[in-house]
Amino acid sequence: MLKDKKLAVLGAGKLGETLIRGLLEADVITIDNVMVTAGHQPRLDLLKERFGVKGTLSNPAAAEGADIILLSVKPQTVPLVVSEISDVLRPSQLLISVAASVSTAFIEKHLASPVPVIRAMPNTPCMLNKGMTGISPGKNASKEHTELAKFIFDSVGRTIVADEKHMDAITGLSASGPAFIYIIIESLAEAGVKVGLPRDIATELAAQTVVGAGSMVLETAEHPAKLKDSVTTPAGCTIDGILELEEGGLRVTLIKAVVKATHRAKELLET
């Protein structure tokens, strides 16, 4: 679906680079069909060195020659970039925004023509093709546009299509979520060290345990509570550990972390 299409990544920062890497490694785009923009030439030189992609400091020039434009800038920068490219965009193109907090309606309002817009929120594990992305089509995006966007992000992990009213929550859960999981892995590894394990072994045990537990949820489609109960044998060691987690408020703390991140995601465009 992408081999014959030209892709422009406007604002190829960490997230843009992650997606470029994932798409290239998944072999769904051709290097010659990728154009990137950045705020300064050294960044473009670095991306050319890493991936062989062409670069320009001009957002309009990159957008005008593309079939698909990936808007990968900070939320506060979106109004400026959209105003720069508005006059060169055509309804035959597809604009995909991965800027948190920015609605499709906001972007559509600032475009000169009815360009299809899709809002997407990937997370950083896309770098390893293990990402999770939520996408939501704008009013001018067709089913075919949504399928194309889904194909792009499916190549770097899993994708769900959701109503746009849920996109801030998706940001708070799956985009911010890896940071929360890293803290959990770090804490489990520290606990392993506390009970006598070498640090490298404890870290590997913790990380693979998280990977395996996530796979169990996804591949068995069982409720996490049921899977938890299958590990928790009567009078065993797991239930003692769970009691400590409940007493420490881990469940409530994680819920509050996602709620807080979601609320912050609603505010990013304004700050």
Protein backbone atom coordinates (compact mmCIF):
# COMPACT_ATOMS: atom_id res chain seq x y z
CA MET A 1 0.00 0.00 0.00
CA LEU A 2 2.97 2.34 0.53
CA LYS A 3 5.64 1.19 -1.92
CA ASP A 4 4.51 3.63 -4.62
CA LYS A 5 3.56 6.48 -2.27
CA LYS A 6 5.69 9.39 -1.19
CA LEU A 7 5.86 10.09 2.54
CA ALA A 8 6.81 13.40 4.14
CA VAL A 9 7.62 13.42 7.85
CA LEU A 10 7.33 16.99 9.10
CA GLY A 11 9.32 17.44 12.27
CA ALA A 12 11.36 14.26 12.42
CA GLY A 13 12.18 14.28 16.13
CA LYS A 14 12.26 11.21 18.37
CA LEU A 15 8.78 10.01 17.44
CA GLY A 16 9.21 10.77 13.75
CA GLU A 17 12.53 8.93 13.72
CA THR A 18 10.96 5.99 15.54
CA LEU A 19 8.25 5.69 12.90
CA ILE A 20 10.71 6.04 10.03
CA ARG A 21 12.90 3.32 11.52
CA GLY A 22 9.94 1.03 12.08
CA LEU A 23 8.49 1.53 8.61
CA LEU A 24 11.85 0.96 6.93
CA GLU A 25 12.59 -2.16 8.99
CA ALA A 26 9.11 -3.48 8.21
CA ASP A 27 9.95 -2.90 4.51
CA VAL A 28 6.69 -1.11 3.77
CA ILE A 29 8.22 2.11 2.44
CA THR A 30 11.07 2.87 0.06
CA ILE A 31 13.84 5.17 1.24
CA ASP A 32 13.72 7.15 -2.00
CA ASN A 33 10.07 8.00 -1.31
CA VAL A 34 10.70 9.48 2.14
CA MET A 35 11.32 13.18 2.78
CA VAL A 36 11.89 14.59 6.27
CA THR A 37 11.97 18.07 7.73
CA ALA A 38 13.58 19.38 10.88
CA GLY A 39 14.30 22.68 12.55
CA HIS A 40 18.00 22.71 11.70
CA GLN A 41 20.38 21.22 9.13
CA PRO A 42 22.46 19.07 11.53
CA ARG A 43 19.33 17.07 12.37
CA LEU A 44 18.66 16.46 8.68
CA ASP A 45 22.27 15.41 8.18
CA LEU A 46 21.98 12.94 11.04
CA LEU A 47 18.79 11.39 9.65
CA LYS A 48 20.39 11.09 6.21
CA GLU A 49 23.38 9.35 7.78
CA ARG A 50 21.18 6.95 9.77
CA PHE A 51 18.53 6.11 7.18
CA GLY A 52 19.55 7.57 3.84
CA VAL A 53 16.42 9.72 3.67
CA LYS A 54 16.24 13.08 1.92
CA GLY A 55 15.67 16.17 4.01
CA THR A 56 14.69 19.81 3.74
CA LEU A 57 14.18 22.73 6.10
CA SER A 58 11.01 23.68 4.19
CA ASN A 59 7.79 22.12 5.41
CA PRO A 60 5.78 23.35 2.38
CA ALA A 61 8.29 21.86 -0.07
CA ALA A 62 8.17 18.47 1.66
CA ALA A 63 4.39 18.47 1.99
CA GLU A 64 3.69 19.55 -1.58
CA GLY A 65 5.49 16.58 -3.10
CA ALA A 66 4.04 13.90 -0.82
CA ASP A 67 1.06 11.58 -0.98
CA ILE A 68 1.03 11.14 2.79
CA ILE A 69 2.13 13.82 5.24
CA LEU A 70 3.02 12.74 8.76
CA LEU A 71 2.77 15.73 11.08
CA SER A 72 5.17 14.88 13.88
CA VAL A 73 5.76 18.13 15.73
CA LYS A 74 5.02 19.26 19.26
CA PRO A 75 1.39 20.25 19.88
CA GLN A 76 2.33 23.88 20.41
CA THR A 77 4.04 23.95 16.99
CA VAL A 78 1.08 22.50 15.05
CA PRO A 79 -0.65 25.86 14.33
CA LEU A 80 2.53 27.29 12.80
CA VAL A 81 3.30 24.24 10.65
CA VAL A 82 -0.30 23.83 9.49
CA SER A 83 -0.38 27.49 8.44
CA GLU A 84 2.87 26.96 6.50
CA ILE A 85 1.58 23.98 4.51
CA SER A 86 -2.11 24.89 4.21
CA ASP A 87 -1.92 26.42 0.73
CA VAL A 88 0.07 23.55 -0.81
CA LEU A 89 -2.07 20.68 0.45
CA ARG A 90 -4.59 18.97 -1.85
CA PRO A 91 -7.66 16.83 -1.12
CA SER A 92 -5.90 13.91 -2.84
CA GLN A 93 -3.31 13.81 -0.06
CA LEU A 94 -3.60 12.36 3.44
CA LEU A 95 -2.44 14.24 6.53
CA ILE A 96 -1.74 12.12 9.61
CA SER A 97 -1.05 14.00 12.83
CA VAL A 98 0.69 12.33 15.76
CA ALA A 99 0.62 15.51 17.86
CA ALA A 100 -0.97 14.86 21.24
CA SER A 101 -3.94 17.04 22.23
CA VAL A 102 -4.56 18.39 18.71
CA SER A 103 -7.96 17.44 17.28
CA THR A 104 -8.68 16.75 13.63
CA ALA A 105 -11.23 19.58 13.72
CA PHE A 106 -8.53 22.04 14.80
CA ILE A 107 -6.30 21.05 11.88
CA GLU A 108 -9.17 20.99 9.37
CA LYS A 109 -10.23 24.48 10.42
CA HIS A 110 -6.79 25.84 9.53
CA LEU A 111 -6.48 24.17 6.12
CA ALA A 112 -7.37 25.96 2.88
CA SER A 113 -8.92 22.86 1.28
CA PRO A 114 -10.79 19.75 2.55
CA VAL A 115 -7.74 17.56 3.06
CA PRO A 116 -8.36 14.19 4.78
CA VAL A 117 -6.93 14.29 8.31
CA ILE A 118 -6.33 11.39 10.65
CA ARG A 119 -5.21 11.77 14.24
CA ALA A 120 -2.88 9.06 15.52
CA MET A 121 -1.17 8.37 18.82
CA PRO A 122 1.62 5.79 18.62
CA ASN A 123 4.04 4.92 21.40
CA THR A 124 7.81 4.48 21.44
CA PRO A 125 7.89 0.64 21.21
CA CYS A 126 7.03 1.24 17.54
CA MET A 127 10.83 1.40 17.21
CA LEU A 128 10.91 -2.38 17.71
CA ASN A 129 7.67 -3.05 15.81
CA LYS A 130 6.00 -3.67 19.19
CA GLY A 131 4.05 -0.44 19.33
CA MET A 132 0.46 0.41 20.14
CA THR A 133 -1.31 3.11 18.17
CA GLY A 134 -4.77 4.60 18.39
CA ILE A 135 -6.12 6.32 15.28
CA SER A 136 -9.19 8.45 14.67
CA PRO A 137 -10.36 9.78 11.28
CA GLY A 138 -11.47 13.36 10.74
CA LYS A 139 -14.62 14.39 8.87
CA ASN A 140 -12.97 14.31 5.42
CA ALA A 141 -11.20 10.98 5.89
CA SER A 142 -12.76 8.00 4.15
CA LYS A 143 -12.68 4.34 5.11
CA GLU A 144 -9.82 3.92 2.61
CA HIS A 145 -7.83 6.69 4.32
CA THR A 146 -8.38 5.04 7.69
CA GLU A 147 -7.28 1.67 6.32
CA LEU A 148 -4.14 3.25 4.88
CA ALA A 149 -3.28 4.86 8.21
CA LYS A 150 -3.99 1.57 9.97
CA PHE A 151 -1.68 -0.23 7.55
CA ILE A 152 1.10 2.25 8.33
CA PHE A 153 0.88 1.78 12.08
CA ASP A 154 0.16 -1.97 11.89
CA SER A 155 3.61 -2.28 10.37
CA VAL A 156 5.14 -1.11 13.65
CA GLY A 157 2.83 -2.89 16.10
CA ARG A 158 -0.88 -3.04 16.89
CA THR A 159 -3.47 -0.45 15.90
CA ILE A 160 -6.97 0.33 17.07
CA VAL A 161 -9.48 2.71 15.47
CA ALA A 162 -11.30 4.76 18.10
CA ASP A 163 -13.70 7.65 18.40
CA GLU A 164 -11.72 10.85 18.71
CA LYS A 165 -13.20 11.58 22.12
CA HIS A 166 -11.00 8.73 23.42
CA MET A 167 -7.70 9.95 21.97
CA ASP A 168 -6.55 11.85 25.06
CA ALA A 169 -7.19 8.74 27.15
CA ILE A 170 -5.23 6.67 24.64
CA THR A 171 -2.40 9.17 25.03
CA GLY A 172 -2.51 8.86 28.80
CA LEU A 173 -2.64 5.07 28.76
CA SER A 174 -0.60 3.68 25.87
CA ALA A 175 1.61 6.62 24.88
CA SER A 176 2.64 7.48 28.45
CA GLY A 177 2.24 3.88 29.59
CA PRO A 178 5.71 2.62 28.60
CA ALA A 179 7.26 5.04 31.10
CA PHE A 180 5.03 3.61 33.83
CA ILE A 181 5.99 0.06 32.84
CA TYR A 182 9.71 0.92 32.87
CA ILE A 183 9.31 2.03 36.47
CA ILE A 184 7.59 -1.28 37.26
CA ILE A 185 10.39 -3.23 35.57
CA GLU A 186 13.01 -1.19 37.39
CA SER A 187 11.24 -1.78 40.70
CA LEU A 188 10.93 -5.53 40.13
CA ALA A 189 14.61 -5.68 39.22
CA GLU A 190 15.54 -3.75 42.38
CA ALA A 191 13.47 -6.22 44.36
CA GLY A 192 15.38 -9.06 42.72
CA VAL A 193 18.65 -7.45 43.77
CA LYS A 194 17.26 -7.02 47.28
CA VAL A 195 16.63 -10.77 47.56
CA GLY A 196 20.06 -11.67 46.21
CA LEU A 197 19.91 -11.79 42.42
CA PRO A 198 22.64 -10.25 40.26
CA ARG A 199 21.33 -7.04 38.69
CA ASP A 200 21.57 -8.19 35.07
CA ILE A 201 19.67 -11.37 35.82
CA ALA A 202 17.06 -9.52 37.87
CA THR A 203 16.49 -7.02 35.05
CA GLU A 204 16.13 -9.71 32.41
CA LEU A 205 13.73 -11.67 34.60
CA ALA A 206 11.63 -8.56 35.26
CA ALA A 207 11.53 -7.39 31.65
CA GLN A 208 10.68 -10.78 30.16
CA THR A 209 8.04 -11.33 32.84
CA VAL A 210 6.31 -8.12 31.73
CA VAL A 211 6.59 -9.15 28.06
CA GLY A 212 5.20 -12.61 28.81
CA ALA A 213 2.35 -11.32 30.96
CA GLY A 214 1.31 -8.86 28.26
CA SER A 215 1.38 -11.61 25.65
CA MET A 216 -0.79 -13.81 27.84
CA VAL A 217 -3.45 -11.08 28.00
CA LEU A 218 -3.35 -10.42 24.25
CA GLU A 219 -3.10 -13.98 23.00
CA THR A 220 -5.49 -15.71 25.39
CA ALA A 221 -8.04 -12.85 25.44
CA GLU A 222 -8.66 -13.71 29.07
CA HIS A 223 -9.43 -11.00 31.61
CA PRO A 224 -6.27 -9.99 33.51
CA ALA A 225 -8.00 -10.80 36.80
CA LYS A 226 -8.58 -14.38 35.66
CA LEU A 227 -4.97 -14.75 34.60
CA LYS A 228 -3.88 -13.30 37.94
CA ASP A 229 -6.01 -15.83 39.77
CA SER A 230 -4.45 -18.70 37.80
CA VAL A 231 -1.04 -17.73 39.21
CA THR A 232 -2.32 -17.20 42.74
CA THR A 233 -2.46 -20.60 44.43
CA PRO A 234 -4.02 -21.07 47.88
CA ALA A 235 -1.62 -20.21 50.70
CA GLY A 236 1.14 -19.64 48.15
CA CYS A 237 3.74 -16.90 47.84
CA THR A 238 1.95 -14.90 45.13
CA ILE A 239 -1.00 -13.97 47.31
CA ASP A 240 1.37 -12.57 49.94
CA GLY A 241 2.98 -10.41 47.27
CA ILE A 242 -0.42 -9.24 45.99
CA LEU A 243 -1.44 -8.23 49.51
CA GLU A 244 1.68 -6.05 49.71
CA LEU A 245 0.79 -4.44 46.36
CA GLU A 246 -2.74 -3.70 47.52
CA GLU A 247 -1.55 -2.32 50.84
CA GLY A 248 0.94 -0.09 48.99
CA GLY A 249 -1.78 1.23 46.71
CA LEU A 250 -0.19 0.15 43.44
CA ARG A 251 -3.53 -0.36 41.68
CA VAL A 252 -4.89 3.06 42.68
CA THR A 253 -1.58 4.77 41.92
CA LEU A 254 -1.46 3.37 38.37
CA ILE A 255 -5.06 4.41 37.76
CA LYS A 256 -4.32 7.92 39.02
CA ALA A 257 -1.19 8.09 36.83
CA VAL A 258 -3.21 7.37 33.68
CA VAL A 259 -5.96 9.81 34.70
CA LYS A 260 -3.39 12.54 35.37
CA ALA A 261 -1.60 11.91 32.06
CA THR A 262 -4.95 11.99 30.23
CA HIS A 263 -5.87 15.33 31.76
CA ARG A 264 -2.48 16.72 30.81
CA ALA A 265 -2.89 15.47 27.26
CA LYS A 266 -5.97 17.67 26.90
CA GLU A 267 -3.93 20.75 27.78
CA LEU A 268 -0.80 20.39 25.64
CA LEU A 269 -2.01 22.52 22.74
CA GLU A 270 -2.63 25.44 25.07
CA THR A 271 0.72 25.43 26.91
